[in-house]
Amino acid sequence: MKHAFVFIEVFGCEGGIQSYIQDVLSAYGQIAGSSAIGKVPLSADVFLLRDSKGDCPAEDGCFRYHSFKSSSPMMERVRLTLALGICLLRDRPEHVFCGHINLAVMVSQLCRIFKISYTVLTYGKEVWCELSAKEKQALMCAERIWTISRYSRDLACQANQISRQKFDLLPCVVDGTTFMPGPASEALITRYRLEMHGC
């Protein structure tokens, strides 16, 4: 079973969206490597608009990376669009995951041509205001929309008249190997008067 992911930038810089996407790809990789999948192996082409080849991790049996960073933003987009179109035509992935509203119109148009379903990932303020007619249409035509919180979903729905039923919540995660619960600091409890709130 093959999928395609389309992102702006994942590995070339650090940020909240980049961390979130890396967690999504990590989870996909774990599922792909799981024996629970049985005899249907998962694989994905990952299209990266602003990452260079040197930014990407080493390819493995699950992911194949396609990077398009150049000195010309216009050329990046043209090359990404052509490469994704060829992938959809040649490989016929089961589903496309569009990683940003700024890519959704292009993904929507290509998926419509090849009759492939897609999901749009949203995060926060980029969808909290009214979007352009084409961006709104791209969200309406998506099979699903993923977002990180009920708050973000509700603002996107209100601003763009999209049904809440179209959204799935996929919250940010916490790395349990780095961050873990510990005993509460008495100094912080006193400083912020947390004892009054039962903390």
Protein backbone atom coordinates (compact mmCIF):
# COMPACT_ATOMS: atom_id res chain seq x y z
CA MET A 1 0.00 0.00 0.00
CA LYS A 2 1.53 3.29 -1.13
CA HIS A 3 0.94 6.84 0.06
CA ALA A 4 2.33 10.30 -0.69
CA PHE A 5 3.13 13.12 1.72
CA VAL A 6 3.62 16.72 0.55
CA PHE A 7 5.24 19.25 2.89
CA ILE A 8 6.80 22.70 2.73
CA GLU A 9 9.80 22.06 4.98
CA VAL A 10 10.44 19.36 7.56
CA PHE A 11 14.15 18.72 8.11
CA GLY A 12 15.90 21.95 7.08
CA CYS A 13 14.81 24.01 10.09
CA GLU A 14 13.40 23.56 13.58
CA GLY A 15 9.90 24.60 14.59
CA GLY A 16 6.59 23.42 15.95
CA ILE A 17 5.18 22.33 12.59
CA GLN A 18 8.42 20.57 11.69
CA SER A 19 8.43 18.64 15.00
CA TYR A 20 4.79 17.71 14.52
CA ILE A 21 5.39 16.42 10.98
CA GLN A 22 8.44 14.45 12.09
CA ASP A 23 6.24 12.77 14.71
CA VAL A 24 3.62 11.94 12.05
CA LEU A 25 6.29 10.42 9.79
CA SER A 26 7.81 8.53 12.72
CA ALA A 27 4.41 7.04 13.58
CA TYR A 28 3.87 6.09 9.94
CA GLY A 29 7.28 4.42 9.87
CA GLN A 30 6.45 2.44 13.02
CA ILE A 31 3.17 1.27 11.51
CA ALA A 32 4.94 0.35 8.27
CA GLY A 33 7.45 -1.73 10.18
CA SER A 34 4.89 -3.41 12.40
CA SER A 35 4.16 -7.09 11.94
CA ALA A 36 0.49 -6.25 12.63
CA ILE A 37 0.20 -4.96 9.08
CA GLY A 38 0.50 -8.52 7.82
CA LYS A 39 1.36 -9.00 4.17
CA VAL A 40 0.45 -5.48 2.99
CA PRO A 41 3.65 -3.40 3.28
CA LEU A 42 3.36 0.36 3.61
CA SER A 43 5.58 2.79 1.73
CA ALA A 44 5.44 6.49 1.00
CA ASP A 45 6.95 9.11 -1.25
CA VAL A 46 7.67 12.29 0.72
CA PHE A 47 7.78 15.53 -1.31
CA LEU A 48 9.61 18.42 0.37
CA LEU A 49 9.32 21.87 -1.20
CA ARG A 50 12.08 23.71 0.71
CA ASP A 51 14.29 20.93 2.04
CA SER A 52 17.52 20.04 0.25
CA LYS A 53 18.64 16.48 -0.32
CA GLY A 54 21.25 16.93 2.42
CA ASP A 55 18.53 17.85 4.94
CA CYS A 56 16.64 14.57 4.49
CA PRO A 57 17.27 11.45 6.56
CA ALA A 58 18.71 8.37 4.90
CA GLU A 59 16.07 6.55 2.90
CA ASP A 60 14.84 3.25 4.21
CA GLY A 61 12.35 0.63 3.06
CA CYS A 62 9.41 2.83 4.00
CA PHE A 63 10.16 6.38 2.77
CA ARG A 64 11.52 7.78 -0.46
CA TYR A 65 12.32 11.50 -0.22
CA HIS A 66 12.04 14.05 -3.03
CA SER A 67 13.53 17.49 -2.28
CA PHE A 68 13.11 20.63 -4.39
CA LYS A 69 15.00 23.44 -2.63
CA SER A 70 16.59 25.90 -5.06
CA SER A 71 17.40 29.59 -5.36
CA SER A 72 14.07 30.15 -7.15
CA PRO A 73 10.85 29.69 -5.14
CA MET A 74 8.88 29.57 -8.41
CA MET A 75 11.09 26.77 -9.77
CA GLU A 76 10.72 24.85 -6.50
CA ARG A 77 6.96 24.86 -6.89
CA VAL A 78 7.04 23.93 -10.57
CA ARG A 79 9.39 21.01 -9.95
CA LEU A 80 7.38 19.81 -6.94
CA THR A 81 4.11 19.96 -8.88
CA LEU A 82 5.54 18.05 -11.85
CA ALA A 83 7.14 15.39 -9.64
CA LEU A 84 3.96 14.86 -7.62
CA GLY A 85 1.88 14.67 -10.80
CA ILE A 86 4.21 12.02 -12.26
CA CYS A 87 4.06 10.05 -8.99
CA LEU A 88 0.26 10.13 -8.95
CA LEU A 89 0.10 9.02 -12.59
CA ARG A 90 2.76 6.32 -12.40
CA ASP A 91 2.46 4.93 -8.87
CA ARG A 92 -1.22 5.60 -8.09
CA PRO A 93 -0.85 6.03 -4.31
CA GLU A 94 -3.86 5.11 -2.20
CA HIS A 95 -3.96 8.51 -0.51
CA VAL A 96 -2.11 11.85 -0.41
CA PHE A 97 -1.39 13.73 2.83
CA CYS A 98 -1.02 17.45 2.18
CA GLY A 99 1.06 19.04 4.92
CA HIS A 100 0.06 22.70 4.66
CA ILE A 101 -2.82 24.88 3.44
CA ASN A 102 -0.35 26.68 1.13
CA LEU A 103 0.02 23.43 -0.84
CA ALA A 104 -3.62 22.35 -0.66
CA VAL A 105 -4.84 23.95 -3.90
CA MET A 106 -2.14 22.26 -5.96
CA VAL A 107 -2.66 18.91 -4.22
CA SER A 108 -6.43 19.18 -4.61
CA GLN A 109 -6.20 19.86 -8.35
CA LEU A 110 -3.80 16.98 -9.01
CA CYS A 111 -5.78 14.55 -6.86
CA ARG A 112 -8.98 15.49 -8.67
CA ILE A 113 -7.36 14.76 -12.06
CA PHE A 114 -6.15 11.33 -10.92
CA LYS A 115 -9.18 10.56 -8.70
CA ILE A 116 -7.08 10.06 -5.56
CA SER A 117 -8.34 11.01 -2.10
CA TYR A 118 -6.35 13.37 0.12
CA THR A 119 -6.13 14.72 3.65
CA VAL A 120 -4.99 18.25 4.59
CA LEU A 121 -3.00 18.78 7.79
CA THR A 122 -3.66 22.05 9.61
CA TYR A 123 -2.00 23.43 12.72
CA GLY A 124 -3.10 26.87 13.87
CA LYS A 125 -3.43 30.44 12.71
CA GLU A 126 -2.89 29.68 9.02
CA VAL A 127 -6.54 28.49 8.89
CA TRP A 128 -8.10 30.67 11.62
CA CYS A 129 -9.02 33.49 9.21
CA GLU A 130 -11.10 33.29 6.09
CA LEU A 131 -9.13 31.55 3.36
CA SER A 132 -9.19 32.28 -0.37
CA ALA A 133 -12.02 30.66 -2.32
CA LYS A 134 -9.60 28.12 -3.85
CA GLU A 135 -8.08 27.18 -0.49
CA LYS A 136 -11.52 26.81 1.06
CA GLN A 137 -12.57 24.59 -1.84
CA ALA A 138 -9.45 22.47 -1.36
CA LEU A 139 -10.45 21.88 2.26
CA MET A 140 -14.06 21.15 1.32
CA CYS A 141 -12.95 18.55 -1.26
CA ALA A 142 -10.51 16.82 1.08
CA GLU A 143 -11.58 13.45 2.40
CA ARG A 144 -10.46 14.52 5.88
CA ILE A 145 -8.79 17.50 7.59
CA TRP A 146 -6.40 16.86 10.47
CA THR A 147 -5.80 19.47 13.14
CA ILE A 148 -3.95 19.58 16.44
CA SER A 149 -6.74 20.78 18.76
CA ARG A 150 -10.46 21.43 19.16
CA TYR A 151 -9.63 25.13 19.48
CA SER A 152 -7.88 25.22 16.10
CA ARG A 153 -10.67 23.17 14.52
CA ASP A 154 -13.39 25.45 15.86
CA LEU A 155 -11.68 28.64 14.63
CA ALA A 156 -11.09 27.13 11.17
CA CYS A 157 -14.72 25.99 10.96
CA GLN A 158 -16.06 29.37 12.05
CA ALA A 159 -13.87 31.36 9.67
CA ASN A 160 -14.44 29.13 6.64
CA GLN A 161 -17.88 27.57 7.13
CA ILE A 162 -16.55 24.02 7.22
CA SER A 163 -18.36 21.25 9.09
CA ARG A 164 -16.67 20.05 12.27
CA GLN A 165 -17.43 16.51 11.11
CA LYS A 166 -14.78 16.91 8.39
CA PHE A 167 -12.00 17.20 11.01
CA ASP A 168 -9.99 14.60 12.88
CA LEU A 169 -7.96 15.60 15.94
CA LEU A 170 -4.32 14.55 15.85
CA PRO A 171 -2.76 16.34 18.85
CA CYS A 172 0.90 17.11 19.34
CA VAL A 173 2.75 14.44 21.27
CA VAL A 174 5.30 14.54 24.08
CA ASP A 175 8.48 12.48 23.86
CA GLY A 176 8.29 10.32 26.97
CA THR A 177 12.00 9.58 26.83
CA THR A 178 12.80 13.30 27.18
CA PHE A 179 9.88 14.67 29.21
CA MET A 180 8.29 12.73 32.02
CA PRO A 181 6.27 13.49 35.15
CA GLY A 182 8.21 14.04 38.33
CA PRO A 183 7.57 15.31 41.82
CA ALA A 184 6.10 18.80 41.99
CA SER A 185 8.49 21.55 43.02
CA GLU A 186 7.38 23.04 46.35
CA ALA A 187 8.92 26.38 45.38
CA LEU A 188 6.84 26.55 42.16
CA ILE A 189 3.68 25.43 43.94
CA THR A 190 4.14 28.27 46.45
CA ARG A 191 5.22 30.84 43.87
CA TYR A 192 2.23 30.27 41.58
CA ARG A 193 -0.23 29.42 44.37
CA LEU A 194 -1.01 26.08 42.76
CA GLU A 195 -2.06 24.48 46.02
CA MET A 196 -5.26 26.53 45.77
CA HIS A 197 -6.17 24.63 42.60
CA GLY A 198 -5.50 21.17 43.93
CA CYS A 199 -2.22 20.72 42.04
